[in-house]
Amino acid sequence: MLIGVEDNKNIIGLEKDFNSFSKNDKLDEFQKHFDNLISKTLGNRFHHYLKIDFPMMNGKTICVITIKEKSSEPVYVTNETGQETFYIRRTASTIDLKPSEMQKYIYEH
């Protein structure tokens, strides 16, 4: 996943995100914020699956998130109200599955 790159591959960078932080070390603040988002939405046990890099492209910092390996268990996304949802990637779309679809998908995968 890329943060700071538009769908049309235009590199916009993280500067707008960095400017939303008040402390001097903007990259560190971005990393802390991202870490908190992962903890809230996926849980603490999934951090080790992520590799996060901040390369420079066209003079702008972007964020590259790589999934290092497949989880051995289903991963649910928790929204602001505490509701868990199960998403899958389908071709070029991300969709959430109904509970009946989710059970079959998990069993088959």
C-alpha atoms as a PDB file:
ATOM      1  CA  MET A   1       0.000   0.000   0.000  1.00  0.00           C
ATOM      2  CA  LEU A   2       1.229   3.481  -0.784  1.00  0.00           C
ATOM      3  CA  ILE A   3       0.391   6.597   1.183  1.00  0.00           C
ATOM      4  CA  GLY A   4       1.222   9.861  -0.527  1.00  0.00           C
ATOM      5  CA  VAL A   5       0.622   8.548  -4.064  1.00  0.00           C
ATOM      6  CA  GLU A   6      -2.659   9.116  -5.874  1.00  0.00           C
ATOM      7  CA  ASP A   7      -4.425   6.397  -7.886  1.00  0.00           C
ATOM      8  CA  ASN A   8      -3.167   8.045 -11.085  1.00  0.00           C
ATOM      9  CA  LYS A   9       0.409   7.599  -9.728  1.00  0.00           C
ATOM     10  CA  ASN A  10       0.845  11.320  -9.031  1.00  0.00           C
ATOM     11  CA  ILE A  11       3.217  11.648  -6.078  1.00  0.00           C
ATOM     12  CA  ILE A  12       1.813  14.112  -3.540  1.00  0.00           C
ATOM     13  CA  GLY A  13       3.920  13.033  -0.557  1.00  0.00           C
ATOM     14  CA  LEU A  14       3.146  13.158   3.143  1.00  0.00           C
ATOM     15  CA  GLU A  15       3.707  16.866   3.709  1.00  0.00           C
ATOM     16  CA  LYS A  16       0.023  17.638   4.378  1.00  0.00           C
ATOM     17  CA  ASP A  17      -0.040  14.799   6.891  1.00  0.00           C
ATOM     18  CA  PHE A  18       3.211  15.977   8.456  1.00  0.00           C
ATOM     19  CA  ASN A  19       1.834  19.505   8.826  1.00  0.00           C
ATOM     20  CA  SER A  20      -1.031  18.186  10.958  1.00  0.00           C
ATOM     21  CA  PHE A  21       1.454  17.300  13.730  1.00  0.00           C
ATOM     22  CA  SER A  22       2.697  19.919  16.176  1.00  0.00           C
ATOM     23  CA  LYS A  23       5.977  18.283  17.244  1.00  0.00           C
ATOM     24  CA  ASN A  24       9.211  18.836  15.301  1.00  0.00           C
ATOM     25  CA  ASP A  25       9.891  15.203  14.353  1.00  0.00           C
ATOM     26  CA  LYS A  26       7.069  14.860  11.808  1.00  0.00           C
ATOM     27  CA  LEU A  27       8.089  11.422  10.568  1.00  0.00           C
ATOM     28  CA  ASP A  28       8.125  10.029  14.110  1.00  0.00           C
ATOM     29  CA  GLU A  29       4.700  11.553  14.789  1.00  0.00           C
ATOM     30  CA  PHE A  30       3.348  10.056  11.549  1.00  0.00           C
ATOM     31  CA  GLN A  31       4.694   6.628  12.554  1.00  0.00           C
ATOM     32  CA  LYS A  32       3.106   6.884  16.019  1.00  0.00           C
ATOM     33  CA  HIS A  33      -0.223   7.930  14.491  1.00  0.00           C
ATOM     34  CA  PHE A  34      -0.117   5.091  11.968  1.00  0.00           C
ATOM     35  CA  ASP A  35       0.818   2.624  14.730  1.00  0.00           C
ATOM     36  CA  ASN A  36      -2.182   3.792  16.790  1.00  0.00           C
ATOM     37  CA  LEU A  37      -4.513   3.391  13.797  1.00  0.00           C
ATOM     38  CA  ILE A  38      -3.325  -0.175  13.230  1.00  0.00           C
ATOM     39  CA  SER A  39      -3.792  -0.993  16.919  1.00  0.00           C
ATOM     40  CA  LYS A  40      -7.332   0.437  16.970  1.00  0.00           C
ATOM     41  CA  THR A  41      -8.522  -1.108  13.712  1.00  0.00           C
ATOM     42  CA  LEU A  42      -6.659  -4.440  13.471  1.00  0.00           C
ATOM     43  CA  GLY A  43      -5.332  -5.093  16.973  1.00  0.00           C
ATOM     44  CA  ASN A  44      -1.890  -5.284  18.505  1.00  0.00           C
ATOM     45  CA  ARG A  45      -1.030  -8.792  17.363  1.00  0.00           C
ATOM     46  CA  PHE A  46      -0.761  -7.905  13.663  1.00  0.00           C
ATOM     47  CA  HIS A  47       2.007  -5.285  13.709  1.00  0.00           C
ATOM     48  CA  HIS A  48       4.712  -7.855  12.992  1.00  0.00           C
ATOM     49  CA  TYR A  49       3.157  -8.594   9.592  1.00  0.00           C
ATOM     50  CA  LEU A  50       3.848  -5.042   8.387  1.00  0.00           C
ATOM     51  CA  LYS A  51       7.012  -3.563   6.945  1.00  0.00           C
ATOM     52  CA  ILE A  52       6.858   0.230   6.730  1.00  0.00           C
ATOM     53  CA  ASP A  53       9.320   2.342   4.742  1.00  0.00           C
ATOM     54  CA  PHE A  54       9.511   6.050   3.933  1.00  0.00           C
ATOM     55  CA  PRO A  55      11.358   6.509   0.639  1.00  0.00           C
ATOM     56  CA  MET A  56      11.794   9.817  -1.157  1.00  0.00           C
ATOM     57  CA  MET A  57      10.192  10.053  -4.606  1.00  0.00           C
ATOM     58  CA  ASN A  58      10.512  13.190  -6.704  1.00  0.00           C
ATOM     59  CA  GLY A  59      11.747  15.016  -3.603  1.00  0.00           C
ATOM     60  CA  LYS A  60       8.706  14.002  -1.542  1.00  0.00           C
ATOM     61  CA  THR A  61       8.412  11.489   1.294  1.00  0.00           C
ATOM     62  CA  ILE A  62       5.902   8.693   0.761  1.00  0.00           C
ATOM     63  CA  CYS A  63       4.931   5.728   2.935  1.00  0.00           C
ATOM     64  CA  VAL A  64       5.231   2.173   1.584  1.00  0.00           C
ATOM     65  CA  ILE A  65       3.482  -0.549   3.589  1.00  0.00           C
ATOM     66  CA  THR A  66       4.287  -4.139   2.703  1.00  0.00           C
ATOM     67  CA  ILE A  67       2.594  -7.210   4.171  1.00  0.00           C
ATOM     68  CA  LYS A  68       5.515  -9.508   5.014  1.00  0.00           C
ATOM     69  CA  GLU A  69       3.487 -12.709   5.238  1.00  0.00           C
ATOM     70  CA  LYS A  70      -0.068 -14.014   5.337  1.00  0.00           C
ATOM     71  CA  SER A  71      -1.721 -14.194   8.736  1.00  0.00           C
ATOM     72  CA  SER A  72      -2.558 -17.680   9.949  1.00  0.00           C
ATOM     73  CA  GLU A  73      -5.873 -16.381  11.304  1.00  0.00           C
ATOM     74  CA  PRO A  74      -8.634 -14.123   9.968  1.00  0.00           C
ATOM     75  CA  VAL A  75      -8.081 -10.394  10.442  1.00  0.00           C
ATOM     76  CA  TYR A  76     -11.112  -8.226  11.220  1.00  0.00           C
ATOM     77  CA  VAL A  77     -11.265  -4.440  10.906  1.00  0.00           C
ATOM     78  CA  THR A  78     -12.845  -2.652  13.882  1.00  0.00           C
ATOM     79  CA  ASN A  79     -14.626   0.628  13.128  1.00  0.00           C
ATOM     80  CA  GLU A  80     -15.168   3.634  15.419  1.00  0.00           C
ATOM     81  CA  THR A  81     -18.249   2.039  17.016  1.00  0.00           C
ATOM     82  CA  GLY A  82     -16.406  -1.207  17.821  1.00  0.00           C
ATOM     83  CA  GLN A  83     -18.080  -3.257  15.083  1.00  0.00           C
ATOM     84  CA  GLU A  84     -15.814  -5.796  13.396  1.00  0.00           C
ATOM     85  CA  THR A  85     -15.952  -6.292   9.631  1.00  0.00           C
ATOM     86  CA  PHE A  86     -14.217  -8.853   7.425  1.00  0.00           C
ATOM     87  CA  TYR A  87     -12.868  -7.555   4.108  1.00  0.00           C
ATOM     88  CA  ILE A  88     -11.376  -9.329   1.123  1.00  0.00           C
ATOM     89  CA  ARG A  89      -9.549  -8.051  -1.910  1.00  0.00           C
ATOM     90  CA  ARG A  90     -11.325  -8.981  -5.137  1.00  0.00           C
ATOM     91  CA  THR A  91      -9.494  -8.046  -8.334  1.00  0.00           C
ATOM     92  CA  ALA A  92      -9.319  -4.233  -8.017  1.00  0.00           C
ATOM     93  CA  SER A  93     -11.918  -3.881  -5.256  1.00  0.00           C
ATOM     94  CA  THR A  94     -12.041  -4.295  -1.501  1.00  0.00           C
ATOM     95  CA  ILE A  95     -15.373  -5.634  -0.286  1.00  0.00           C
ATOM     96  CA  ASP A  96     -16.839  -6.659   3.053  1.00  0.00           C
ATOM     97  CA  LEU A  97     -18.470 -10.060   3.331  1.00  0.00           C
ATOM     98  CA  LYS A  98     -21.739 -11.026   4.989  1.00  0.00           C
ATOM     99  CA  PRO A  99     -21.264 -13.422   7.934  1.00  0.00           C
ATOM    100  CA  SER A 100     -22.363 -16.428   5.843  1.00  0.00           C
ATOM    101  CA  GLU A 101     -19.939 -15.491   3.045  1.00  0.00           C
ATOM    102  CA  MET A 102     -17.185 -14.833   5.563  1.00  0.00           C
ATOM    103  CA  GLN A 103     -17.439 -18.283   7.138  1.00  0.00           C
ATOM    104  CA  LYS A 104     -17.193 -20.017   3.777  1.00  0.00           C
ATOM    105  CA  TYR A 105     -14.332 -17.790   2.632  1.00  0.00           C
ATOM    106  CA  ILE A 106     -12.318 -18.448   5.810  1.00  0.00           C
ATOM    107  CA  TYR A 107     -12.958 -22.189   5.585  1.00  0.00           C
ATOM    108  CA  GLU A 108     -11.833 -22.297   1.921  1.00  0.00           C
ATOM    109  CA  HIS A 109      -8.746 -20.155   2.485  1.00  0.00           C
END
